[in-house]
Amino acid sequence: MELIGIEDFLKLDIRLAKVLSAERVEGSEKLLKLRVSLGDEERTLMAGIAKHYEPEELIGKKVLILANLKPRKIFGVESQGMVLALSDGENLSLIVPDRDIKEGAKAS
C-alpha cells in the first residue's frame, strides 16, 4: 500500500451526515439511494450497502461520508459523495459516532 502525506489526507472532507431517507434502487441488488443532511445542506448519495442494511433501519442514523468526492451519475442519479464503511470481505459496517454530535462535523 502506498503511503500518503498529511497534505493528501487534508484534502479529504470527511463529515458526519444524518440519513433523512433511504430507498432501494430499481434494477440494483446492492444500491440504496440515500438523502442525507450535513446540517446546512442536503445531498443525495448512492451507497452499495443494500445487501447489509434495510432502508428503514438507516433513517435517522448518523454516518460518515466523503463529502468532496466528485459527483457521478449512478443508475441515472447524481451521487454527491460516498458513505464510508468497513468491510472484512463478508460483513459490512457503517462508521458511526459513539457520541451525539451535530451533522456536518468534520473528521480530524
PDB file of N, CA and C in Angstrom:
ATOM      1  N   MET A   1       0.834  -1.169   0.000  1.00  0.00           N
ATOM      2  CA  MET A   1       0.000   0.000   0.000  1.00  0.00           C
ATOM      3  C   MET A   1       0.884   1.240   0.000  1.00  0.00           C
ATOM      4  N   GLU A   2       0.518   2.205  -0.814  1.00  0.00           N
ATOM      5  CA  GLU A   2       1.277   3.441  -0.908  1.00  0.00           C
ATOM      6  C   GLU A   2       1.000   4.338   0.297  1.00  0.00           C
ATOM      7  N   LEU A   3       2.050   4.875   0.881  1.00  0.00           N
ATOM      8  CA  LEU A   3       1.898   5.819   1.982  1.00  0.00           C
ATOM      9  C   LEU A   3       1.603   7.202   1.426  1.00  0.00           C
ATOM     10  N   ILE A   4       0.779   7.969   2.150  1.00  0.00           N
ATOM     11  CA  ILE A   4       0.473   9.334   1.736  1.00  0.00           C
ATOM     12  C   ILE A   4       0.934  10.292   2.817  1.00  0.00           C
ATOM     13  N   GLY A   5       1.109  11.529   2.429  1.00  0.00           N
ATOM     14  CA  GLY A   5       1.488  12.561   3.389  1.00  0.00           C
ATOM     15  C   GLY A   5       0.246  13.205   3.988  1.00  0.00           C
ATOM     16  N   ILE A   6       0.445  13.939   5.060  1.00  0.00           N
ATOM     17  CA  ILE A   6      -0.659  14.625   5.725  1.00  0.00           C
ATOM     18  C   ILE A   6      -1.359  15.578   4.762  1.00  0.00           C
ATOM     19  N   GLU A   7      -0.615  16.150   3.823  1.00  0.00           N
ATOM     20  CA  GLU A   7      -1.220  17.080   2.862  1.00  0.00           C
ATOM     21  C   GLU A   7      -2.267  16.372   1.991  1.00  0.00           C
ATOM     22  N   ASP A   8      -2.071  15.078   1.715  1.00  0.00           N
ATOM     23  CA  ASP A   8      -3.066  14.307   0.969  1.00  0.00           C
ATOM     24  C   ASP A   8      -4.300  14.051   1.825  1.00  0.00           C
ATOM     25  N   PHE A   9      -4.094  13.677   3.080  1.00  0.00           N
ATOM     26  CA  PHE A   9      -5.216  13.438   3.976  1.00  0.00           C
ATOM     27  C   PHE A   9      -6.053  14.701   4.163  1.00  0.00           C
ATOM     28  N   LEU A  10      -5.395  15.840   4.269  1.00  0.00           N
ATOM     29  CA  LEU A  10      -6.101  17.098   4.496  1.00  0.00           C
ATOM     30  C   LEU A  10      -6.990  17.496   3.318  1.00  0.00           C
ATOM     31  N   LYS A  11      -6.797  16.887   2.170  1.00  0.00           N
ATOM     32  CA  LYS A  11      -7.659  17.151   1.005  1.00  0.00           C
ATOM     33  C   LYS A  11      -9.023  16.487   1.152  1.00  0.00           C
ATOM     34  N   LEU A  12      -9.127  15.481   2.018  1.00  0.00           N
ATOM     35  CA  LEU A  12     -10.387  14.749   2.200  1.00  0.00           C
ATOM     36  C   LEU A  12     -11.317  15.510   3.128  1.00  0.00           C
ATOM     37  N   ASP A  13     -12.553  15.692   2.700  1.00  0.00           N
ATOM     38  CA  ASP A  13     -13.572  16.337   3.525  1.00  0.00           C
ATOM     39  C   ASP A  13     -14.511  15.239   4.029  1.00  0.00           C
ATOM     40  N   ILE A  14     -14.157  14.660   5.166  1.00  0.00           N
ATOM     41  CA  ILE A  14     -14.951  13.584   5.767  1.00  0.00           C
ATOM     42  C   ILE A  14     -15.835  14.217   6.826  1.00  0.00           C
ATOM     43  N   ARG A  15     -17.164  14.060   6.642  1.00  0.00           N
ATOM     44  CA  ARG A  15     -18.104  14.722   7.552  1.00  0.00           C
ATOM     45  C   ARG A  15     -19.200  13.774   8.009  1.00  0.00           C
ATOM     46  N   LEU A  16     -19.831  14.161   9.102  1.00  0.00           N
ATOM     47  CA  LEU A  16     -20.944  13.403   9.644  1.00  0.00           C
ATOM     48  C   LEU A  16     -22.240  13.839   8.965  1.00  0.00           C
ATOM     49  N   ALA A  17     -23.018  12.863   8.523  1.00  0.00           N
ATOM     50  CA  ALA A  17     -24.298  13.138   7.862  1.00  0.00           C
ATOM     51  C   ALA A  17     -25.394  12.331   8.530  1.00  0.00           C
ATOM     52  N   LYS A  18     -26.576  12.894   8.595  1.00  0.00           N
ATOM     53  CA  LYS A  18     -27.744  12.202   9.134  1.00  0.00           C
ATOM     54  C   LYS A  18     -28.605  11.729   7.969  1.00  0.00           C
ATOM     55  N   VAL A  19     -28.959  10.451   7.991  1.00  0.00           N
ATOM     56  CA  VAL A  19     -29.779   9.883   6.913  1.00  0.00           C
ATOM     57  C   VAL A  19     -31.230  10.323   7.107  1.00  0.00           C
ATOM     58  N   LEU A  20     -31.756  11.041   6.124  1.00  0.00           N
ATOM     59  CA  LEU A  20     -33.134  11.531   6.166  1.00  0.00           C
ATOM     60  C   LEU A  20     -34.098  10.553   5.508  1.00  0.00           C
ATOM     61  N   SER A  21     -33.641   9.921   4.416  1.00  0.00           N
ATOM     62  CA  SER A  21     -34.465   8.928   3.730  1.00  0.00           C
ATOM     63  C   SER A  21     -33.560   7.925   3.044  1.00  0.00           C
ATOM     64  N   ALA A  22     -34.107   6.743   2.805  1.00  0.00           N
ATOM     65  CA  ALA A  22     -33.347   5.669   2.148  1.00  0.00           C
ATOM     66  C   ALA A  22     -34.321   4.814   1.365  1.00  0.00           C
ATOM     67  N   GLU A  23     -33.913   4.423   0.163  1.00  0.00           N
ATOM     68  CA  GLU A  23     -34.762   3.554  -0.652  1.00  0.00           C
ATOM     69  C   GLU A  23     -33.908   2.689  -1.556  1.00  0.00           C
ATOM     70  N   ARG A  24     -34.447   1.529  -1.887  1.00  0.00           N
ATOM     71  CA  ARG A  24     -33.764   0.633  -2.818  1.00  0.00           C
ATOM     72  C   ARG A  24     -33.773   1.247  -4.210  1.00  0.00           C
ATOM     73  N   VAL A  25     -32.770   0.896  -5.005  1.00  0.00           N
ATOM     74  CA  VAL A  25     -32.660   1.384  -6.369  1.00  0.00           C
ATOM     75  C   VAL A  25     -33.155   0.287  -7.301  1.00  0.00           C
ATOM     76  N   GLU A  26     -34.174   0.597  -8.074  1.00  0.00           N
ATOM     77  CA  GLU A  26     -34.732  -0.382  -9.001  1.00  0.00           C
ATOM     78  C   GLU A  26     -33.669  -0.821  -9.998  1.00  0.00           C
ATOM     79  N   GLY A  27     -33.531  -2.130 -10.164  1.00  0.00           N
ATOM     80  CA  GLY A  27     -32.560  -2.689 -11.096  1.00  0.00           C
ATOM     81  C   GLY A  27     -31.210  -3.002 -10.474  1.00  0.00           C
ATOM     82  N   SER A  28     -31.052  -2.716  -9.174  1.00  0.00           N
ATOM     83  CA  SER A  28     -29.784  -2.995  -8.498  1.00  0.00           C
ATOM     84  C   SER A  28     -30.044  -3.778  -7.216  1.00  0.00           C
ATOM     85  N   GLU A  29     -29.233  -4.802  -6.995  1.00  0.00           N
ATOM     86  CA  GLU A  29     -29.339  -5.588  -5.761  1.00  0.00           C
ATOM     87  C   GLU A  29     -28.545  -4.975  -4.618  1.00  0.00           C
ATOM     88  N   LYS A  30     -27.568  -4.117  -4.929  1.00  0.00           N
ATOM     89  CA  LYS A  30     -26.693  -3.624  -3.870  1.00  0.00           C
ATOM     90  C   LYS A  30     -26.801  -2.138  -3.555  1.00  0.00           C
ATOM     91  N   LEU A  31     -27.511  -1.383  -4.384  1.00  0.00           N
ATOM     92  CA  LEU A  31     -27.551   0.063  -4.173  1.00  0.00           C
ATOM     93  C   LEU A  31     -28.751   0.547  -3.371  1.00  0.00           C
ATOM     94  N   LEU A  32     -28.483   1.512  -2.502  1.00  0.00           N
ATOM     95  CA  LEU A  32     -29.533   2.266  -1.820  1.00  0.00           C
ATOM     96  C   LEU A  32     -29.332   3.735  -2.176  1.00  0.00           C
ATOM     97  N   LYS A  33     -30.432   4.438  -2.391  1.00  0.00           N
ATOM     98  CA  LYS A  33     -30.405   5.883  -2.622  1.00  0.00           C
ATOM     99  C   LYS A  33     -30.706   6.536  -1.277  1.00  0.00           C
ATOM    100  N   LEU A  34     -29.758   7.335  -0.793  1.00  0.00           N
ATOM    101  CA  LEU A  34     -29.889   7.992   0.496  1.00  0.00           C
ATOM    102  C   LEU A  34     -30.003   9.494   0.309  1.00  0.00           C
ATOM    103  N   ARG A  35     -30.853  10.113   1.105  1.00  0.00           N
ATOM    104  CA  ARG A  35     -30.897  11.577   1.209  1.00  0.00           C
ATOM    105  C   ARG A  35     -30.354  11.878   2.593  1.00  0.00           C
ATOM    106  N   VAL A  36     -29.287  12.697   2.663  1.00  0.00           N
ATOM    107  CA  VAL A  36     -28.627  12.974   3.934  1.00  0.00           C
ATOM    108  C   VAL A  36     -28.559  14.469   4.206  1.00  0.00           C
ATOM    109  N   SER A  37     -28.446  14.803   5.491  1.00  0.00           N
ATOM    110  CA  SER A  37     -28.276  16.187   5.914  1.00  0.00           C
ATOM    111  C   SER A  37     -26.879  16.361   6.478  1.00  0.00           C
ATOM    112  N   LEU A  38     -26.233  17.442   6.045  1.00  0.00           N
ATOM    113  CA  LEU A  38     -24.938  17.831   6.594  1.00  0.00           C
ATOM    114  C   LEU A  38     -25.107  19.044   7.501  1.00  0.00           C
ATOM    115  N   GLY A  39     -26.305  19.252   7.985  1.00  0.00           N
ATOM    116  CA  GLY A  39     -26.591  20.392   8.851  1.00  0.00           C
ATOM    117  C   GLY A  39     -27.087  21.578   8.063  1.00  0.00           C
ATOM    118  N   ASP A  40     -26.227  22.135   7.215  1.00  0.00           N
ATOM    119  CA  ASP A  40     -26.608  23.313   6.435  1.00  0.00           C
ATOM    120  C   ASP A  40     -26.951  22.993   4.988  1.00  0.00           C
ATOM    121  N   GLU A  41     -26.886  21.722   4.605  1.00  0.00           N
ATOM    122  CA  GLU A  41     -27.256  21.319   3.244  1.00  0.00           C
ATOM    123  C   GLU A  41     -27.685  19.862   3.224  1.00  0.00           C
ATOM    124  N   GLU A  42     -28.430  19.505   2.197  1.00  0.00           N
ATOM    125  CA  GLU A  42     -28.830  18.116   1.979  1.00  0.00           C
ATOM    126  C   GLU A  42     -28.217  17.621   0.683  1.00  0.00           C
ATOM    127  N   ARG A  43     -27.949  16.320   0.647  1.00  0.00           N
ATOM    128  CA  ARG A  43     -27.359  15.697  -0.543  1.00  0.00           C
ATOM    129  C   ARG A  43     -27.986  14.340  -0.793  1.00  0.00           C
ATOM    130  N   THR A  44     -27.846  13.882  -2.025  1.00  0.00           N
ATOM    131  CA  THR A  44     -28.238  12.535  -2.407  1.00  0.00           C
ATOM    132  C   THR A  44     -26.969  11.716  -2.616  1.00  0.00           C
ATOM    133  N   LEU A  45     -26.956  10.525  -2.032  1.00  0.00           N
ATOM    134  CA  LEU A  45     -25.820   9.618  -2.177  1.00  0.00           C
ATOM    135  C   LEU A  45     -26.324   8.256  -2.626  1.00  0.00           C
ATOM    136  N   MET A  46     -25.576   7.603  -3.465  1.00  0.00           N
ATOM    137  CA  MET A  46     -25.841   6.222  -3.843  1.00  0.00           C
ATOM    138  C   MET A  46     -24.829   5.375  -3.080  1.00  0.00           C
ATOM    139  N   ALA A  47     -25.335   4.404  -2.330  1.00  0.00           N
ATOM    140  CA  ALA A  47     -24.456   3.597  -1.477  1.00  0.00           C
ATOM    141  C   ALA A  47     -24.658   2.115  -1.764  1.00  0.00           C
ATOM    142  N   GLY A  48     -23.583   1.394  -1.952  1.00  0.00           N
ATOM    143  CA  GLY A  48     -23.625  -0.042  -2.235  1.00  0.00           C
ATOM    144  C   GLY A  48     -23.728  -0.875  -0.976  1.00  0.00           C
ATOM    145  N   ILE A  49     -24.770  -0.645  -0.184  1.00  0.00           N
ATOM    146  CA  ILE A  49     -24.901  -1.298   1.115  1.00  0.00           C
ATOM    147  C   ILE A  49     -26.211  -2.078   1.267  1.00  0.00           C
ATOM    148  N   ALA A  50     -26.966  -2.234   0.193  1.00  0.00           N
ATOM    149  CA  ALA A  50     -28.306  -2.835   0.287  1.00  0.00           C
ATOM    150  C   ALA A  50     -28.298  -4.302   0.707  1.00  0.00           C
ATOM    151  N   LYS A  51     -27.199  -5.005   0.510  1.00  0.00           N
ATOM    152  CA  LYS A  51     -27.131  -6.406   0.943  1.00  0.00           C
ATOM    153  C   LYS A  51     -26.903  -6.524   2.443  1.00  0.00           C
ATOM    154  N   HIS A  52     -26.584  -5.417   3.096  1.00  0.00           N
ATOM    155  CA  HIS A  52     -26.248  -5.419   4.520  1.00  0.00           C
ATOM    156  C   HIS A  52     -27.205  -4.599   5.377  1.00  0.00           C
ATOM    157  N   TYR A  53     -27.949  -3.682   4.769  1.00  0.00           N
ATOM    158  CA  TYR A  53     -28.847  -2.801   5.505  1.00  0.00           C
ATOM    159  C   TYR A  53     -30.187  -2.664   4.787  1.00  0.00           C
ATOM    160  N   GLU A  54     -31.253  -2.641   5.573  1.00  0.00           N
ATOM    161  CA  GLU A  54     -32.579  -2.333   5.047  1.00  0.00           C
ATOM    162  C   GLU A  54     -32.750  -0.820   5.088  1.00  0.00           C
ATOM    163  N   PRO A  55     -33.416  -0.243   4.096  1.00  0.00           N
ATOM    164  CA  PRO A  55     -33.565   1.222   4.065  1.00  0.00           C
ATOM    165  C   PRO A  55     -34.128   1.806   5.357  1.00  0.00           C
ATOM    166  N   GLU A  56     -35.154   1.172   5.911  1.00  0.00           N
ATOM    167  CA  GLU A  56     -35.812   1.737   7.094  1.00  0.00           C
ATOM    168  C   GLU A  56     -34.909   1.771   8.333  1.00  0.00           C
ATOM    169  N   GLU A  57     -33.917   0.899   8.431  1.00  0.00           N
ATOM    170  CA  GLU A  57     -33.046   0.910   9.601  1.00  0.00           C
ATOM    171  C   GLU A  57     -32.007   2.029   9.539  1.00  0.00           C
ATOM    172  N   LEU A  58     -31.867   2.666   8.383  1.00  0.00           N
ATOM    173  CA  LEU A  58     -30.875   3.730   8.221  1.00  0.00           C
ATOM    174  C   LEU A  58     -31.424   5.113   8.556  1.00  0.00           C
ATOM    175  N   ILE A  59     -32.724   5.283   8.475  1.00  0.00           N
ATOM    176  CA  ILE A  59     -33.321   6.601   8.679  1.00  0.00           C
ATOM    177  C   ILE A  59     -33.059   7.075  10.105  1.00  0.00           C
ATOM    178  N   GLY A  60     -32.477   8.274  10.208  1.00  0.00           N
ATOM    179  CA  GLY A  60     -32.116   8.848  11.496  1.00  0.00           C
ATOM    180  C   GLY A  60     -30.706   8.514  11.949  1.00  0.00           C
ATOM    181  N   LYS A  61     -30.060   7.554  11.291  1.00  0.00           N
ATOM    182  CA  LYS A  61     -28.692   7.144  11.661  1.00  0.00           C
ATOM    183  C   LYS A  61     -27.707   8.201  11.159  1.00  0.00           C
ATOM    184  N   LYS A  62     -26.661   8.430  11.945  1.00  0.00           N
ATOM    185  CA  LYS A  62     -25.590   9.331  11.534  1.00  0.00           C
ATOM    186  C   LYS A  62     -24.420   8.498  11.041  1.00  0.00           C
ATOM    187  N   VAL A  63     -23.901   8.865   9.863  1.00  0.00           N
ATOM    188  CA  VAL A  63     -22.836   8.108   9.207  1.00  0.00           C
ATOM    189  C   VAL A  63     -21.758   9.059   8.709  1.00  0.00           C
ATOM    190  N   LEU A  64     -20.567   8.531   8.506  1.00  0.00           N
ATOM    191  CA  LEU A  64     -19.501   9.323   7.908  1.00  0.00           C
ATOM    192  C   LEU A  64     -19.595   9.253   6.392  1.00  0.00           C
ATOM    193  N   ILE A  65     -19.370  10.410   5.762  1.00  0.00           N
ATOM    194  CA  ILE A  65     -19.340  10.446   4.303  1.00  0.00           C
ATOM    195  C   ILE A  65     -18.106  11.200   3.829  1.00  0.00           C
ATOM    196  N   LEU A  66     -17.665  10.869   2.628  1.00  0.00           N
ATOM    197  CA  LEU A  66     -16.641  11.648   1.946  1.00  0.00           C
ATOM    198  C   LEU A  66     -17.404  12.698   1.151  1.00  0.00           C
ATOM    199  N   ALA A  67     -17.339  13.945   1.618  1.00  0.00           N
ATOM    200  CA  ALA A  67     -18.190  14.997   1.077  1.00  0.00           C
ATOM    201  C   ALA A  67     -17.633  15.675  -0.169  1.00  0.00           C
ATOM    202  N   ASN A  68     -16.328  15.596  -0.396  1.00  0.00           N
ATOM    203  CA  ASN A  68     -15.772  16.307  -1.542  1.00  0.00           C
ATOM    204  C   ASN A  68     -15.360  15.379  -2.689  1.00  0.00           C
ATOM    205  N   LEU A  69     -16.023  14.243  -2.789  1.00  0.00           N
ATOM    206  CA  LEU A  69     -15.835  13.364  -3.934  1.00  0.00           C
ATOM    207  C   LEU A  69     -16.567  13.968  -5.129  1.00  0.00           C
ATOM    208  N   LYS A  70     -15.967  13.933  -6.296  1.00  0.00           N
ATOM    209  CA  LYS A  70     -16.628  14.469  -7.489  1.00  0.00           C
ATOM    210  C   LYS A  70     -17.958  13.757  -7.702  1.00  0.00           C
ATOM    211  N   PRO A  71     -19.037  14.514  -7.950  1.00  0.00           N
ATOM    212  CA  PRO A  71     -20.336  13.878  -8.207  1.00  0.00           C
ATOM    213  C   PRO A  71     -20.254  12.972  -9.436  1.00  0.00           C
ATOM    214  N   ARG A  72     -21.044  11.883  -9.395  1.00  0.00           N
ATOM    215  CA  ARG A  72     -21.096  10.998 -10.564  1.00  0.00           C
ATOM    216  C   ARG A  72     -22.471  10.362 -10.641  1.00  0.00           C
ATOM    217  N   LYS A  73     -22.915  10.132 -11.856  1.00  0.00           N
ATOM    218  CA  LYS A  73     -24.231   9.526 -12.056  1.00  0.00           C
ATOM    219  C   LYS A  73     -24.140   8.018 -11.927  1.00  0.00           C
ATOM    220  N   ILE A  74     -25.032   7.477 -11.096  1.00  0.00           N
ATOM    221  CA  ILE A  74     -25.126   6.040 -10.893  1.00  0.00           C
ATOM    222  C   ILE A  74     -26.592   5.676 -11.046  1.00  0.00           C
ATOM    223  N   PHE A  75     -26.913   4.800 -11.975  1.00  0.00           N
ATOM    224  CA  PHE A  75     -28.300   4.433 -12.269  1.00  0.00           C
ATOM    225  C   PHE A  75     -29.139   5.680 -12.531  1.00  0.00           C
ATOM    226  N   GLY A  76     -28.540   6.671 -13.198  1.00  0.00           N
ATOM    227  CA  GLY A  76     -29.252   7.879 -13.574  1.00  0.00           C
ATOM    228  C   GLY A  76     -29.419   8.906 -12.474  1.00  0.00           C
ATOM    229  N   VAL A  77     -28.855   8.644 -11.285  1.00  0.00           N
ATOM    230  CA  VAL A  77     -28.967   9.563 -10.151  1.00  0.00           C
ATOM    231  C   VAL A  77     -27.580  10.116  -9.835  1.00  0.00           C
ATOM    232  N   GLU A  78     -27.486  11.436  -9.658  1.00  0.00           N
ATOM    233  CA  GLU A  78     -26.203  12.023  -9.309  1.00  0.00           C
ATOM    234  C   GLU A  78     -25.904  11.773  -7.831  1.00  0.00           C
ATOM    235  N   SER A  79     -24.813  11.078  -7.573  1.00  0.00           N
ATOM    236  CA  SER A  79     -24.362  10.807  -6.214  1.00  0.00           C
ATOM    237  C   SER A  79     -23.378  11.893  -5.827  1.00  0.00           C
ATOM    238  N   GLN A  80     -23.651  12.551  -4.696  1.00  0.00           N
ATOM    239  CA  GLN A  80     -22.871  13.714  -4.272  1.00  0.00           C
ATOM    240  C   GLN A  80     -22.003  13.395  -3.055  1.00  0.00           C
ATOM    241  N   GLY A  81     -21.278  12.294  -3.122  1.00  0.00           N
ATOM    242  CA  GLY A  81     -20.410  11.883  -2.034  1.00  0.00           C
ATOM    243  C   GLY A  81     -20.411  10.377  -1.897  1.00  0.00           C
ATOM    244  N   MET A  82     -19.763   9.899  -0.840  1.00  0.00           N
ATOM    245  CA  MET A  82     -19.656   8.456  -0.616  1.00  0.00           C
ATOM    246  C   MET A  82     -19.821   8.155   0.868  1.00  0.00           C
ATOM    247  N   VAL A  83     -20.658   7.172   1.178  1.00  0.00           N
ATOM    248  CA  VAL A  83     -20.802   6.708   2.549  1.00  0.00           C
ATOM    249  C   VAL A  83     -19.585   5.842   2.871  1.00  0.00           C
ATOM    250  N   LEU A  84     -18.995   6.053   4.035  1.00  0.00           N
ATOM    251  CA  LEU A  84     -17.824   5.274   4.438  1.00  0.00           C
ATOM    252  C   LEU A  84     -18.254   4.090   5.301  1.00  0.00           C
ATOM    253  N   ALA A  85     -17.664   2.945   5.038  1.00  0.00           N
ATOM    254  CA  ALA A  85     -17.997   1.725   5.768  1.00  0.00           C
ATOM    255  C   ALA A  85     -16.738   0.868   5.899  1.00  0.00           C
ATOM    256  N   LEU A  86     -16.818  -0.098   6.797  1.00  0.00           N
ATOM    257  CA  LEU A  86     -15.750  -1.074   6.985  1.00  0.00           C
ATOM    258  C   LEU A  86     -16.214  -2.410   6.449  1.00  0.00           C
ATOM    259  N   SER A  87     -15.299  -3.175   5.858  1.00  0.00           N
ATOM    260  CA  SER A  87     -15.654  -4.492   5.344  1.00  0.00           C
ATOM    261  C   SER A  87     -14.508  -5.460   5.587  1.00  0.00           C
ATOM    262  N   ASP A  88     -14.874  -6.692   5.974  1.00  0.00           N
ATOM    263  CA  ASP A  88     -13.866  -7.743   6.119  1.00  0.00           C
ATOM    264  C   ASP A  88     -14.000  -8.776   5.002  1.00  0.00           C
ATOM    265  N   GLY A  89     -14.749  -8.427   3.965  1.00  0.00           N
ATOM    266  CA  GLY A  89     -14.970  -9.333   2.847  1.00  0.00           C
ATOM    267  C   GLY A  89     -16.335  -9.976   2.882  1.00  0.00           C
ATOM    268  N   GLU A  90     -16.832 -10.284   4.071  1.00  0.00           N
ATOM    269  CA  GLU A  90     -18.159 -10.884   4.229  1.00  0.00           C
ATOM    270  C   GLU A  90     -19.138  -9.910   4.863  1.00  0.00           C
ATOM    271  N   ASN A  91     -18.676  -9.220   5.882  1.00  0.00           N
ATOM    272  CA  ASN A  91     -19.519  -8.315   6.647  1.00  0.00           C
ATOM    273  C   ASN A  91     -19.197  -6.871   6.311  1.00  0.00           C
ATOM    274  N   LEU A  92     -20.197  -6.010   6.487  1.00  0.00           N
ATOM    275  CA  LEU A  92     -20.025  -4.596   6.237  1.00  0.00           C
ATOM    276  C   LEU A  92     -20.619  -3.838   7.418  1.00  0.00           C
ATOM    277  N   SER A  93     -19.933  -2.798   7.868  1.00  0.00           N
ATOM    278  CA  SER A  93     -20.410  -1.986   8.981  1.00  0.00           C
ATOM    279  C   SER A  93     -20.210  -0.516   8.653  1.00  0.00           C
ATOM    280  N   LEU A  94     -21.257   0.262   8.811  1.00  0.00           N
ATOM    281  CA  LEU A  94     -21.139   1.702   8.643  1.00  0.00           C
ATOM    282  C   LEU A  94     -20.292   2.265   9.771  1.00  0.00           C
ATOM    283  N   ILE A  95     -19.622   3.373   9.508  1.00  0.00           N
ATOM    284  CA  ILE A  95     -18.823   4.047  10.524  1.00  0.00           C
ATOM    285  C   ILE A  95     -19.725   5.102  11.156  1.00  0.00           C
ATOM    286  N   VAL A  96     -20.022   4.907  12.435  1.00  0.00           N
ATOM    287  CA  VAL A  96     -20.962   5.787  13.141  1.00  0.00           C
ATOM    288  C   VAL A  96     -20.298   6.343  14.405  1.00  0.00           C
ATOM    289  N   PRO A  97     -20.709   7.544  14.850  1.00  0.00           N
ATOM    290  CA  PRO A  97     -20.114   8.130  16.054  1.00  0.00           C
ATOM    291  C   PRO A  97     -20.590   7.417  17.317  1.00  0.00           C
ATOM    292  N   ASP A  98     -19.762   7.452  18.358  1.00  0.00           N
ATOM    293  CA  ASP A  98     -20.150   6.833  19.626  1.00  0.00           C
ATOM    294  C   ASP A  98     -20.755   7.847  20.599  1.00  0.00           C
ATOM    295  N   ARG A  99     -20.864   9.105  20.177  1.00  0.00           N
ATOM    296  CA  ARG A  99     -21.486  10.164  20.973  1.00  0.00           C
ATOM    297  C   ARG A  99     -22.372  11.007  20.072  1.00  0.00           C
ATOM    298  N   ASP A 100     -23.289  11.739  20.698  1.00  0.00           N
ATOM    299  CA  ASP A 100     -24.168  12.617  19.920  1.00  0.00           C
ATOM    300  C   ASP A 100     -23.369  13.837  19.478  1.00  0.00           C
ATOM    301  N   ILE A 101     -23.293  14.027  18.175  1.00  0.00           N
ATOM    302  CA  ILE A 101     -22.565  15.157  17.610  1.00  0.00           C
ATOM    303  C   ILE A 101     -23.354  15.643  16.400  1.00  0.00           C
ATOM    304  N   LYS A 102     -23.296  16.940  16.145  1.00  0.00           N
ATOM    305  CA  LYS A 102     -24.100  17.553  15.084  1.00  0.00           C
ATOM    306  C   LYS A 102     -23.661  17.075  13.699  1.00  0.00           C
ATOM    307  N   GLU A 103     -24.664  16.887  12.829  1.00  0.00           N
ATOM    308  CA  GLU A 103     -24.329  16.552  11.458  1.00  0.00           C
ATOM    309  C   GLU A 103     -23.569  17.741  10.831  1.00  0.00           C
ATOM    310  N   GLY A 104     -22.657  17.396   9.954  1.00  0.00           N
ATOM    311  CA  GLY A 104     -21.781  18.394   9.345  1.00  0.00           C
ATOM    312  C   GLY A 104     -20.417  18.449  10.007  1.00  0.00           C
ATOM    313  N   ALA A 105     -20.279  17.853  11.208  1.00  0.00           N
ATOM    314  CA  ALA A 105     -18.998  17.848  11.906  1.00  0.00           C
ATOM    315  C   ALA A 105     -17.950  17.186  11.018  1.00  0.00           C
ATOM    316  N   LYS A 106     -16.735  17.750  11.029  1.00  0.00           N
ATOM    317  CA  LYS A 106     -15.664  17.245  10.185  1.00  0.00           C
ATOM    318  C   LYS A 106     -14.784  16.262  10.952  1.00  0.00           C
ATOM    319  N   ALA A 107     -14.346  15.228  10.242  1.00  0.00           N
ATOM    320  CA  ALA A 107     -13.385  14.282  10.822  1.00  0.00           C
ATOM    321  C   ALA A 107     -12.016  14.949  10.867  1.00  0.00           C
ATOM    322  N   SER A 108     -11.266  14.632  11.905  1.00  0.00           N
ATOM    323  CA  SER A 108      -9.911  15.189  12.012  1.00  0.00           C
ATOM    324  C   SER A 108      -8.993  14.166  12.636  1.00  0.00           C
TER     325      SER A 108
END
